[in-house]
């Protein structure tokens, strides 16, 4: 099982951050299904201030490309992503439309 870590910022607004967290207490079933169907076995999101940190553990068949293609073809995922973009903001240096950025592991004990 492979592990990936990603990061993203939220809008620096306490009200929007609280709304974002509320959405994640009740994620739509179609979104959860799209996550597990893609080969993601475990996913956690942590927050510090307006910075998010996601840990994903994926099965051998997982690929970011396949997940991205499936997400584009899934209307409910697109609806969720549009809704979440209200709360999220791109990291400095990201390309237009990029959200979650893959982090590079620099230490392992």
PDB file of N, CA and C in Angstrom:
ATOM      1  N   UNK A   1       0.861  -1.180   0.000  1.00  0.00           N
ATOM      2  CA  UNK A   1       0.000   0.000   0.000  1.00  0.00           C
ATOM      3  C   UNK A   1       0.901   1.236   0.000  1.00  0.00           C
ATOM      4  N   UNK A   2       0.611   2.130  -0.893  1.00  0.00           N
ATOM      5  CA  UNK A   2       1.366   3.369  -1.040  1.00  0.00           C
ATOM      6  C   UNK A   2       0.669   4.482  -0.258  1.00  0.00           C
ATOM      7  N   UNK A   3       1.452   5.420   0.257  1.00  0.00           N
ATOM      8  CA  UNK A   3       0.908   6.571   0.980  1.00  0.00           C
ATOM      9  C   UNK A   3       1.307   7.851   0.251  1.00  0.00           C
ATOM     10  N   UNK A   4       0.335   8.753   0.105  1.00  0.00           N
ATOM     11  CA  UNK A   4       0.585  10.062  -0.495  1.00  0.00           C
ATOM     12  C   UNK A   4       0.117  11.131   0.478  1.00  0.00           C
ATOM     13  N   UNK A   5       0.828  12.242   0.504  1.00  0.00           N
ATOM     14  CA  UNK A   5       0.448  13.389   1.320  1.00  0.00           C
ATOM     15  C   UNK A   5       0.276  14.589   0.396  1.00  0.00           C
ATOM     16  N   UNK A   6      -0.814  15.304   0.608  1.00  0.00           N
ATOM     17  CA  UNK A   6      -1.134  16.459  -0.226  1.00  0.00           C
ATOM     18  C   UNK A   6      -1.501  17.629   0.673  1.00  0.00           C
ATOM     19  N   UNK A   7      -1.404  18.821   0.118  1.00  0.00           N
ATOM     20  CA  UNK A   7      -1.733  20.010   0.895  1.00  0.00           C
ATOM     21  C   UNK A   7      -2.525  20.996   0.046  1.00  0.00           C
ATOM     22  N   UNK A   8      -3.259  21.833   0.742  1.00  0.00           N
ATOM     23  CA  UNK A   8      -4.099  22.849   0.112  1.00  0.00           C
ATOM     24  C   UNK A   8      -4.422  23.896   1.170  1.00  0.00           C
ATOM     25  N   UNK A   9      -4.664  25.109   0.747  1.00  0.00           N
ATOM     26  CA  UNK A   9      -5.075  26.161   1.678  1.00  0.00           C
ATOM     27  C   UNK A   9      -6.566  26.413   1.564  1.00  0.00           C
ATOM     28  N   UNK A  10      -7.130  26.860   2.675  1.00  0.00           N
ATOM     29  CA  UNK A  10      -8.504  27.347   2.700  1.00  0.00           C
ATOM     30  C   UNK A  10      -8.473  28.866   2.693  1.00  0.00           C
ATOM     31  N   UNK A  11      -9.597  29.457   2.329  1.00  0.00           N
ATOM     32  CA  UNK A  11      -9.733  30.905   2.470  1.00  0.00           C
ATOM     33  C   UNK A  11      -9.497  31.232   3.945  1.00  0.00           C
ATOM     34  N   UNK A  12      -8.822  32.315   4.221  1.00  0.00           N
ATOM     35  CA  UNK A  12      -8.482  32.674   5.599  1.00  0.00           C
ATOM     36  C   UNK A  12      -9.642  33.430   6.241  1.00  0.00           C
ATOM     37  N   UNK A  13     -10.722  32.691   6.455  1.00  0.00           N
ATOM     38  CA  UNK A  13     -11.954  33.267   6.982  1.00  0.00           C
ATOM     39  C   UNK A  13     -12.565  32.239   7.936  1.00  0.00           C
ATOM     40  N   UNK A  14     -12.640  32.548   9.228  1.00  0.00           N
ATOM     41  CA  UNK A  14     -13.142  31.566  10.204  1.00  0.00           C
ATOM     42  C   UNK A  14     -14.533  31.011   9.882  1.00  0.00           C
ATOM     43  N   UNK A  15     -15.402  31.832   9.332  1.00  0.00           N
ATOM     44  CA  UNK A  15     -16.750  31.364   8.994  1.00  0.00           C
ATOM     45  C   UNK A  15     -16.688  30.337   7.867  1.00  0.00           C
ATOM     46  N   UNK A  16     -15.909  30.638   6.834  1.00  0.00           N
ATOM     47  CA  UNK A  16     -15.771  29.694   5.712  1.00  0.00           C
ATOM     48  C   UNK A  16     -15.074  28.413   6.156  1.00  0.00           C
ATOM     49  N   UNK A  17     -14.085  28.518   7.019  1.00  0.00           N
ATOM     50  CA  UNK A  17     -13.393  27.330   7.518  1.00  0.00           C
ATOM     51  C   UNK A  17     -14.369  26.450   8.296  1.00  0.00           C
ATOM     52  N   UNK A  18     -15.206  27.061   9.123  1.00  0.00           N
ATOM     53  CA  UNK A  18     -16.207  26.290   9.886  1.00  0.00           C
ATOM     54  C   UNK A  18     -17.194  25.603   8.947  1.00  0.00           C
ATOM     55  N   UNK A  19     -17.618  26.297   7.889  1.00  0.00           N
ATOM     56  CA  UNK A  19     -18.521  25.682   6.911  1.00  0.00           C
ATOM     57  C   UNK A  19     -17.839  24.504   6.211  1.00  0.00           C
ATOM     58  N   UNK A  20     -16.587  24.683   5.830  1.00  0.00           N
ATOM     59  CA  UNK A  20     -15.836  23.623   5.157  1.00  0.00           C
ATOM     60  C   UNK A  20     -15.756  22.383   6.051  1.00  0.00           C
ATOM     61  N   UNK A  21     -15.451  22.589   7.319  1.00  0.00           N
ATOM     62  CA  UNK A  21     -15.383  21.463   8.254  1.00  0.00           C
ATOM     63  C   UNK A  21     -16.751  20.795   8.409  1.00  0.00           C
ATOM     64  N   UNK A  22     -17.811  21.591   8.431  1.00  0.00           N
ATOM     65  CA  UNK A  22     -19.164  21.025   8.544  1.00  0.00           C
ATOM     66  C   UNK A  22     -19.476  20.132   7.348  1.00  0.00           C
ATOM     67  N   UNK A  23     -19.112  20.571   6.139  1.00  0.00           N
ATOM     68  CA  UNK A  23     -19.323  19.739   4.953  1.00  0.00           C
ATOM     69  C   UNK A  23     -18.586  18.413   5.101  1.00  0.00           C
ATOM     70  N   UNK A  24     -17.428  18.428   5.712  1.00  0.00           N
ATOM     71  CA  UNK A  24     -16.624  17.211   5.828  1.00  0.00           C
ATOM     72  C   UNK A  24     -17.067  16.305   6.988  1.00  0.00           C
ATOM     73  N   UNK A  25     -18.019  16.769   7.754  1.00  0.00           N
ATOM     74  CA  UNK A  25     -18.637  15.898   8.753  1.00  0.00           C
ATOM     75  C   UNK A  25     -19.781  15.088   8.143  1.00  0.00           C
ATOM     76  N   UNK A  26     -20.173  15.479   6.933  1.00  0.00           N
ATOM     77  CA  UNK A  26     -21.312  14.843   6.285  1.00  0.00           C
ATOM     78  C   UNK A  26     -21.075  14.785   4.769  1.00  0.00           C
ATOM     79  N   UNK A  27     -19.966  14.176   4.371  1.00  0.00           N
ATOM     80  CA  UNK A  27     -19.608  14.103   2.950  1.00  0.00           C
ATOM     81  C   UNK A  27     -20.660  13.282   2.211  1.00  0.00           C
ATOM     82  N   UNK A  28     -21.027  13.752   1.029  1.00  0.00           N
ATOM     83  CA  UNK A  28     -22.031  13.053   0.232  1.00  0.00           C
ATOM     84  C   UNK A  28     -21.595  11.615  -0.050  1.00  0.00           C
ATOM     85  N   UNK A  29     -22.534  10.672  -0.005  1.00  0.00           N
ATOM     86  CA  UNK A  29     -22.201   9.262  -0.259  1.00  0.00           C
ATOM     87  C   UNK A  29     -21.552   9.038  -1.627  1.00  0.00           C
ATOM     88  N   UNK A  30     -21.967   9.794  -2.625  1.00  0.00           N
ATOM     89  CA  UNK A  30     -21.400   9.637  -3.970  1.00  0.00           C
ATOM     90  C   UNK A  30     -19.917  10.019  -3.992  1.00  0.00           C
ATOM     91  N   UNK A  31     -19.544  10.953  -3.143  1.00  0.00           N
ATOM     92  CA  UNK A  31     -18.145  11.375  -3.071  1.00  0.00           C
ATOM     93  C   UNK A  31     -17.324  10.292  -2.388  1.00  0.00           C
ATOM     94  N   UNK A  32     -17.843   9.761  -1.298  1.00  0.00           N
ATOM     95  CA  UNK A  32     -17.151   8.675  -0.609  1.00  0.00           C
ATOM     96  C   UNK A  32     -16.982   7.470  -1.533  1.00  0.00           C
ATOM     97  N   UNK A  33     -18.019   7.169  -2.308  1.00  0.00           N
ATOM     98  CA  UNK A  33     -17.951   6.060  -3.256  1.00  0.00           C
ATOM     99  C   UNK A  33     -16.895   6.310  -4.328  1.00  0.00           C
ATOM    100  N   UNK A  34     -16.819   7.528  -4.822  1.00  0.00           N
ATOM    101  CA  UNK A  34     -15.819   7.828  -5.856  1.00  0.00           C
ATOM    102  C   UNK A  34     -14.405   7.700  -5.299  1.00  0.00           C
ATOM    103  N   UNK A  35     -14.227   8.031  -4.043  1.00  0.00           N
ATOM    104  CA  UNK A  35     -12.915   7.912  -3.399  1.00  0.00           C
ATOM    105  C   UNK A  35     -12.520   6.447  -3.278  1.00  0.00           C
ATOM    106  N   UNK A  36     -13.406   5.637  -2.713  1.00  0.00           N
ATOM    107  CA  UNK A  36     -13.060   4.231  -2.511  1.00  0.00           C
ATOM    108  C   UNK A  36     -12.980   3.469  -3.832  1.00  0.00           C
ATOM    109  N   UNK A  37     -13.843   3.796  -4.790  1.00  0.00           N
ATOM    110  CA  UNK A  37     -13.801   3.130  -6.095  1.00  0.00           C
ATOM    111  C   UNK A  37     -12.493   3.381  -6.838  1.00  0.00           C
ATOM    112  N   UNK A  38     -11.828   4.493  -6.536  1.00  0.00           N
ATOM    113  CA  UNK A  38     -10.583   4.834  -7.232  1.00  0.00           C
ATOM    114  C   UNK A  38      -9.382   4.059  -6.698  1.00  0.00           C
ATOM    115  N   UNK A  39      -9.567   3.365  -5.575  1.00  0.00           N
ATOM    116  CA  UNK A  39      -8.454   2.619  -4.995  1.00  0.00           C
ATOM    117  C   UNK A  39      -7.868   3.274  -3.762  1.00  0.00           C
ATOM    118  N   UNK A  40      -8.515   4.315  -3.272  1.00  0.00           N
ATOM    119  CA  UNK A  40      -8.068   4.942  -2.027  1.00  0.00           C
ATOM    120  C   UNK A  40      -8.668   4.138  -0.874  1.00  0.00           C
ATOM    121  N   UNK A  41      -7.783   3.551  -0.070  1.00  0.00           N
ATOM    122  CA  UNK A  41      -8.232   2.700   1.033  1.00  0.00           C
ATOM    123  C   UNK A  41      -8.481   3.500   2.307  1.00  0.00           C
ATOM    124  N   UNK A  42      -7.653   4.504   2.555  1.00  0.00           N
ATOM    125  CA  UNK A  42      -7.773   5.347   3.747  1.00  0.00           C
ATOM    126  C   UNK A  42      -7.457   6.786   3.357  1.00  0.00           C
ATOM    127  N   UNK A  43      -8.205   7.702   3.938  1.00  0.00           N
ATOM    128  CA  UNK A  43      -7.950   9.123   3.694  1.00  0.00           C
ATOM    129  C   UNK A  43      -8.252   9.880   4.968  1.00  0.00           C
ATOM    130  N   UNK A  44      -7.339  10.776   5.316  1.00  0.00           N
ATOM    131  CA  UNK A  44      -7.541  11.664   6.455  1.00  0.00           C
ATOM    132  C   UNK A  44      -7.150  13.066   6.024  1.00  0.00           C
ATOM    133  N   UNK A  45      -7.871  14.059   6.558  1.00  0.00           N
ATOM    134  CA  UNK A  45      -7.524  15.457   6.319  1.00  0.00           C
ATOM    135  C   UNK A  45      -7.358  16.128   7.680  1.00  0.00           C
ATOM    136  N   UNK A  46      -6.246  16.824   7.824  1.00  0.00           N
ATOM    137  CA  UNK A  46      -5.948  17.593   9.023  1.00  0.00           C
ATOM    138  C   UNK A  46      -5.901  19.077   8.655  1.00  0.00           C
ATOM    139  N   UNK A  47      -6.148  19.921   9.652  1.00  0.00           N
ATOM    140  CA  UNK A  47      -6.115  21.361   9.415  1.00  0.00           C
ATOM    141  C   UNK A  47      -5.302  22.042  10.490  1.00  0.00           C
ATOM    142  N   UNK A  48      -4.489  22.985  10.068  1.00  0.00           N
ATOM    143  CA  UNK A  48      -3.843  23.944  10.963  1.00  0.00           C
ATOM    144  C   UNK A  48      -4.137  25.325  10.389  1.00  0.00           C
ATOM    145  N   UNK A  49      -4.843  26.145  11.149  1.00  0.00           N
ATOM    146  CA  UNK A  49      -5.267  27.459  10.672  1.00  0.00           C
ATOM    147  C   UNK A  49      -6.001  27.266   9.344  1.00  0.00           C
ATOM    148  N   UNK A  50      -5.499  27.827   8.240  1.00  0.00           N
ATOM    149  CA  UNK A  50      -6.180  27.632   6.961  1.00  0.00           C
ATOM    150  C   UNK A  50      -5.416  26.666   6.042  1.00  0.00           C
ATOM    151  N   UNK A  51      -4.446  25.949   6.572  1.00  0.00           N
ATOM    152  CA  UNK A  51      -3.666  24.972   5.790  1.00  0.00           C
ATOM    153  C   UNK A  51      -4.224  23.563   6.034  1.00  0.00           C
ATOM    154  N   UNK A  52      -4.493  22.852   4.945  1.00  0.00           N
ATOM    155  CA  UNK A  52      -4.968  21.473   5.019  1.00  0.00           C
ATOM    156  C   UNK A  52      -3.844  20.519   4.656  1.00  0.00           C
ATOM    157  N   UNK A  53      -3.893  19.343   5.250  1.00  0.00           N
ATOM    158  CA  UNK A  53      -2.925  18.279   4.997  1.00  0.00           C
ATOM    159  C   UNK A  53      -3.708  16.972   4.857  1.00  0.00           C
ATOM    160  N   UNK A  54      -3.587  16.328   3.707  1.00  0.00           N
ATOM    161  CA  UNK A  54      -4.314  15.089   3.437  1.00  0.00           C
ATOM    162  C   UNK A  54      -3.330  13.920   3.366  1.00  0.00           C
ATOM    163  N   UNK A  55      -3.700  12.831   4.019  1.00  0.00           N
ATOM    164  CA  UNK A  55      -2.947  11.586   3.926  1.00  0.00           C
ATOM    165  C   UNK A  55      -3.844  10.567   3.235  1.00  0.00           C
ATOM    166  N   UNK A  56      -3.332   9.987   2.164  1.00  0.00           N
ATOM    167  CA  UNK A  56      -4.072   8.954   1.431  1.00  0.00           C
ATOM    168  C   UNK A  56      -3.237   7.681   1.405  1.00  0.00           C
ATOM    169  N   UNK A  57      -3.854   6.571   1.747  1.00  0.00           N
ATOM    170  CA  UNK A  57      -3.241   5.269   1.552  1.00  0.00           C
ATOM    171  C   UNK A  57      -4.037   4.586   0.452  1.00  0.00           C
ATOM    172  N   UNK A  58      -3.311   4.142  -0.588  1.00  0.00           N
ATOM    173  CA  UNK A  58      -3.971   3.663  -1.798  1.00  0.00           C
ATOM    174  C   UNK A  58      -3.573   2.236  -2.114  1.00  0.00           C
ATOM    175  N   UNK A  59      -4.462   1.546  -2.803  1.00  0.00           N
ATOM    176  CA  UNK A  59      -4.199   0.190  -3.271  1.00  0.00           C
ATOM    177  C   UNK A  59      -3.255   0.222  -4.468  1.00  0.00           C
ATOM    178  N   UNK A  60      -2.726  -0.932  -4.830  1.00  0.00           N
ATOM    179  CA  UNK A  60      -1.751  -1.027  -5.916  1.00  0.00           C
ATOM    180  C   UNK A  60      -2.276  -0.489  -7.240  1.00  0.00           C
ATOM    181  N   UNK A  61      -3.561  -0.596  -7.520  1.00  0.00           N
ATOM    182  CA  UNK A  61      -4.104  -0.166  -8.798  1.00  0.00           C
ATOM    183  C   UNK A  61      -4.411   1.312  -8.894  1.00  0.00           C
ATOM    184  N   UNK A  62      -4.170   2.068  -7.834  1.00  0.00           N
ATOM    185  CA  UNK A  62      -4.526   3.497  -7.832  1.00  0.00           C
ATOM    186  C   UNK A  62      -3.609   4.290  -8.755  1.00  0.00           C
ATOM    187  N   UNK A  63      -4.207   5.266  -9.465  1.00  0.00           N
ATOM    188  CA  UNK A  63      -3.406   6.257 -10.195  1.00  0.00           C
ATOM    189  C   UNK A  63      -4.125   7.602 -10.128  1.00  0.00           C
ATOM    190  N   UNK A  64      -3.345   8.668  -9.997  1.00  0.00           N
ATOM    191  CA  UNK A  64      -3.917  10.012  -9.973  1.00  0.00           C
ATOM    192  C   UNK A  64      -4.599  10.329 -11.301  1.00  0.00           C
ATOM    193  N   UNK A  65      -4.031   9.831 -12.397  1.00  0.00           N
ATOM    194  CA  UNK A  65      -4.605  10.092 -13.721  1.00  0.00           C
ATOM    195  C   UNK A  65      -5.983   9.460 -13.853  1.00  0.00           C
ATOM    196  N   UNK A  66      -6.107   8.190 -13.439  1.00  0.00           N
ATOM    197  CA  UNK A  66      -7.405   7.507 -13.523  1.00  0.00           C
ATOM    198  C   UNK A  66      -8.420   8.165 -12.596  1.00  0.00           C
ATOM    199  N   UNK A  67      -7.984   8.550 -11.398  1.00  0.00           N
ATOM    200  CA  UNK A  67      -8.887   9.218 -10.461  1.00  0.00           C
ATOM    201  C   UNK A  67      -9.366  10.546 -11.048  1.00  0.00           C
ATOM    202  N   UNK A  68      -8.448  11.301 -11.645  1.00  0.00           N
ATOM    203  CA  UNK A  68      -8.808  12.578 -12.256  1.00  0.00           C
ATOM    204  C   UNK A  68      -9.792  12.417 -13.394  1.00  0.00           C
ATOM    205  N   UNK A  69      -9.570  11.416 -14.246  1.00  0.00           N
ATOM    206  CA  UNK A  69     -10.476  11.171 -15.377  1.00  0.00           C
ATOM    207  C   UNK A  69     -11.858  10.759 -14.881  1.00  0.00           C
ATOM    208  N   UNK A  70     -11.900   9.901 -13.871  1.00  0.00           N
ATOM    209  CA  UNK A  70     -13.187   9.464 -13.312  1.00  0.00           C
ATOM    210  C   UNK A  70     -13.922  10.644 -12.681  1.00  0.00           C
ATOM    211  N   UNK A  71     -13.183  11.518 -12.013  1.00  0.00           N
ATOM    212  CA  UNK A  71     -13.803  12.685 -11.374  1.00  0.00           C
ATOM    213  C   UNK A  71     -14.402  13.633 -12.401  1.00  0.00           C
ATOM    214  N   UNK A  72     -13.700  13.855 -13.501  1.00  0.00           N
ATOM    215  CA  UNK A  72     -14.210  14.741 -14.554  1.00  0.00           C
ATOM    216  C   UNK A  72     -15.504  14.188 -15.140  1.00  0.00           C
ATOM    217  N   UNK A  73     -15.613  12.871 -15.229  1.00  0.00           N
ATOM    218  CA  UNK A  73     -16.787  12.233 -15.825  1.00  0.00           C
ATOM    219  C   UNK A  73     -17.952  12.078 -14.839  1.00  0.00           C
ATOM    220  N   UNK A  74     -17.734  12.407 -13.565  1.00  0.00           N
ATOM    221  CA  UNK A  74     -18.741  12.196 -12.536  1.00  0.00           C
ATOM    222  C   UNK A  74     -19.369  13.548 -12.163  1.00  0.00           C
ATOM    223  N   UNK A  75     -20.625  13.745 -12.540  1.00  0.00           N
ATOM    224  CA  UNK A  75     -21.302  15.026 -12.314  1.00  0.00           C
ATOM    225  C   UNK A  75     -21.392  15.375 -10.826  1.00  0.00           C
ATOM    226  N   UNK A  76     -21.613  14.382  -9.988  1.00  0.00           N
ATOM    227  CA  UNK A  76     -21.733  14.655  -8.550  1.00  0.00           C
ATOM    228  C   UNK A  76     -20.385  15.095  -7.972  1.00  0.00           C
ATOM    229  N   UNK A  77     -19.297  14.484  -8.428  1.00  0.00           N
ATOM    230  CA  UNK A  77     -17.965  14.905  -7.981  1.00  0.00           C
ATOM    231  C   UNK A  77     -17.699  16.334  -8.443  1.00  0.00           C
ATOM    232  N   UNK A  78     -18.079  16.659  -9.673  1.00  0.00           N
ATOM    233  CA  UNK A  78     -17.886  18.015 -10.173  1.00  0.00           C
ATOM    234  C   UNK A  78     -18.698  19.020  -9.364  1.00  0.00           C
ATOM    235  N   UNK A  79     -19.899  18.645  -8.984  1.00  0.00           N
ATOM    236  CA  UNK A  79     -20.726  19.521  -8.142  1.00  0.00           C
ATOM    237  C   UNK A  79     -20.057  19.762  -6.792  1.00  0.00           C
ATOM    238  N   UNK A  80     -19.529  18.687  -6.183  1.00  0.00           N
ATOM    239  CA  UNK A  80     -18.829  18.783  -4.900  1.00  0.00           C
ATOM    240  C   UNK A  80     -17.582  19.670  -5.032  1.00  0.00           C
ATOM    241  N   UNK A  81     -16.802  19.438  -6.086  1.00  0.00           N
ATOM    242  CA  UNK A  81     -15.577  20.212  -6.285  1.00  0.00           C
ATOM    243  C   UNK A  81     -15.879  21.700  -6.485  1.00  0.00           C
ATOM    244  N   UNK A  82     -16.935  22.002  -7.200  1.00  0.00           N
ATOM    245  CA  UNK A  82     -17.331  23.397  -7.389  1.00  0.00           C
ATOM    246  C   UNK A  82     -17.727  24.019  -6.053  1.00  0.00           C
ATOM    247  N   UNK A  83     -18.471  23.279  -5.265  1.00  0.00           N
ATOM    248  CA  UNK A  83     -18.875  23.750  -3.936  1.00  0.00           C
ATOM    249  C   UNK A  83     -17.648  23.973  -3.048  1.00  0.00           C
ATOM    250  N   UNK A  84     -16.707  23.032  -3.045  1.00  0.00           N
ATOM    251  CA  UNK A  84     -15.527  23.131  -2.182  1.00  0.00           C
ATOM    252  C   UNK A  84     -14.615  24.282  -2.589  1.00  0.00           C
ATOM    253  N   UNK A  85     -14.609  24.631  -3.872  1.00  0.00           N
ATOM    254  CA  UNK A  85     -13.735  25.703  -4.345  1.00  0.00           C
ATOM    255  C   UNK A  85     -14.091  27.044  -3.696  1.00  0.00           C
ATOM    256  N   UNK A  86     -15.327  27.177  -3.203  1.00  0.00           N
ATOM    257  CA  UNK A  86     -15.724  28.380  -2.468  1.00  0.00           C
ATOM    258  C   UNK A  86     -14.844  28.567  -1.230  1.00  0.00           C
ATOM    259  N   UNK A  87     -14.397  27.463  -0.647  1.00  0.00           N
ATOM    260  CA  UNK A  87     -13.654  27.479   0.606  1.00  0.00           C
ATOM    261  C   UNK A  87     -12.146  27.366   0.399  1.00  0.00           C
ATOM    262  N   UNK A  88     -11.736  26.802  -0.723  1.00  0.00           N
ATOM    263  CA  UNK A  88     -10.334  26.510  -0.973  1.00  0.00           C
ATOM    264  C   UNK A  88      -9.681  27.625  -1.783  1.00  0.00           C
ATOM    265  N   UNK A  89      -8.361  27.697  -1.678  1.00  0.00           N
ATOM    266  CA  UNK A  89      -7.619  28.623  -2.533  1.00  0.00           C
ATOM    267  C   UNK A  89      -6.315  27.938  -2.935  1.00  0.00           C
ATOM    268  N   UNK A  90      -5.836  28.243  -4.122  1.00  0.00           N
ATOM    269  CA  UNK A  90      -4.630  27.571  -4.600  1.00  0.00           C
ATOM    270  C   UNK A  90      -3.402  27.963  -3.791  1.00  0.00           C
ATOM    271  N   UNK A  91      -2.480  27.044  -3.699  1.00  0.00           N
ATOM    272  CA  UNK A  91      -1.205  27.332  -3.049  1.00  0.00           C
ATOM    273  C   UNK A  91      -0.350  28.223  -3.946  1.00  0.00           C
ATOM    274  N   UNK A  92       0.518  29.022  -3.364  1.00  0.00           N
ATOM    275  CA  UNK A  92       1.442  29.800  -4.189  1.00  0.00           C
ATOM    276  C   UNK A  92       2.232  28.867  -5.112  1.00  0.00           C
ATOM    277  N   UNK A  93       2.350  29.256  -6.352  1.00  0.00           N
ATOM    278  CA  UNK A  93       3.108  28.466  -7.310  1.00  0.00           C
ATOM    279  C   UNK A  93       2.320  27.379  -8.015  1.00  0.00           C
ATOM    280  N   UNK A  94       1.060  27.186  -7.640  1.00  0.00           N
ATOM    281  CA  UNK A  94       0.262  26.175  -8.319  1.00  0.00           C
ATOM    282  C   UNK A  94      -0.239  26.723  -9.654  1.00  0.00           C
ATOM    283  N   UNK A  95      -0.553  25.802 -10.550  1.00  0.00           N
ATOM    284  CA  UNK A  95      -1.067  26.188 -11.867  1.00  0.00           C
ATOM    285  C   UNK A  95      -2.558  26.487 -11.765  1.00  0.00           C
ATOM    286  N   UNK A  96      -3.105  27.239 -12.705  1.00  0.00           N
ATOM    287  CA  UNK A  96      -4.550  27.531 -12.667  1.00  0.00           C
ATOM    288  C   UNK A  96      -5.371  26.238 -12.592  1.00  0.00           C
ATOM    289  N   UNK A  97      -6.325  26.220 -11.664  1.00  0.00           N
ATOM    290  CA  UNK A  97      -7.194  25.061 -11.503  1.00  0.00           C
ATOM    291  C   UNK A  97      -6.638  23.973 -10.609  1.00  0.00           C
ATOM    292  N   UNK A  98      -5.353  24.036 -10.241  1.00  0.00           N
ATOM    293  CA  UNK A  98      -4.786  23.020  -9.353  1.00  0.00           C
ATOM    294  C   UNK A  98      -5.247  23.277  -7.927  1.00  0.00           C
ATOM    295  N   UNK A  99      -5.620  22.196  -7.287  1.00  0.00           N
ATOM    296  CA  UNK A  99      -6.046  22.289  -5.890  1.00  0.00           C
ATOM    297  C   UNK A  99      -5.023  21.588  -5.013  1.00  0.00           C
ATOM    298  N   UNK A 100      -5.336  20.361  -4.648  1.00  0.00           N
ATOM    299  CA  UNK A 100      -4.457  19.599  -3.765  1.00  0.00           C
ATOM    300  C   UNK A 100      -3.115  19.368  -4.444  1.00  0.00           C
ATOM    301  N   UNK A 101      -2.033  19.720  -3.747  1.00  0.00           N
ATOM    302  CA  UNK A 101      -0.689  19.575  -4.292  1.00  0.00           C
ATOM    303  C   UNK A 101       0.033  18.435  -3.566  1.00  0.00           C
ATOM    304  N   UNK A 102       0.619  17.569  -4.358  1.00  0.00           N
ATOM    305  CA  UNK A 102       1.361  16.433  -3.819  1.00  0.00           C
ATOM    306  C   UNK A 102       2.613  16.924  -3.117  1.00  0.00           C
ATOM    307  N   UNK A 103       2.820  16.420  -1.916  1.00  0.00           N
ATOM    308  CA  UNK A 103       3.984  16.813  -1.132  1.00  0.00           C
ATOM    309  C   UNK A 103       5.098  15.793  -1.331  1.00  0.00           C
ATOM    310  N   UNK A 104       6.318  16.252  -1.187  1.00  0.00           N
ATOM    311  CA  UNK A 104       7.488  15.397  -1.308  1.00  0.00           C
ATOM    312  C   UNK A 104       7.963  14.989   0.069  1.00  0.00           C
ATOM    313  N   UNK A 105       8.143  13.684   0.269  1.00  0.00           N
ATOM    314  CA  UNK A 105       8.663  13.193   1.549  1.00  0.00           C
ATOM    315  C   UNK A 105      10.146  13.547   1.613  1.00  0.00           C
ATOM    316  N   UNK A 106      10.539  14.198   2.706  1.00  0.00           N
ATOM    317  CA  UNK A 106      11.934  14.578   2.852  1.00  0.00           C
ATOM    318  C   UNK A 106      12.623  13.891   4.025  1.00  0.00           C
ATOM    319  N   UNK A 107      11.842  13.141   4.826  1.00  0.00           N
ATOM    320  CA  UNK A 107      12.424  12.431   5.971  1.00  0.00           C
ATOM    321  C   UNK A 107      11.561  11.226   6.281  1.00  0.00           C
ATOM    322  N   UNK A 108      12.216  10.137   6.678  1.00  0.00           N
ATOM    323  CA  UNK A 108      11.505   8.918   7.070  1.00  0.00           C
ATOM    324  C   UNK A 108      12.333   8.218   8.134  1.00  0.00           C
ATOM    325  N   UNK A 109      11.755   7.991   9.309  1.00  0.00           N
ATOM    326  CA  UNK A 109      12.466   7.329  10.401  1.00  0.00           C
ATOM    327  C   UNK A 109      12.081   5.866  10.443  1.00  0.00           C
TER     328      UNK A 109
END
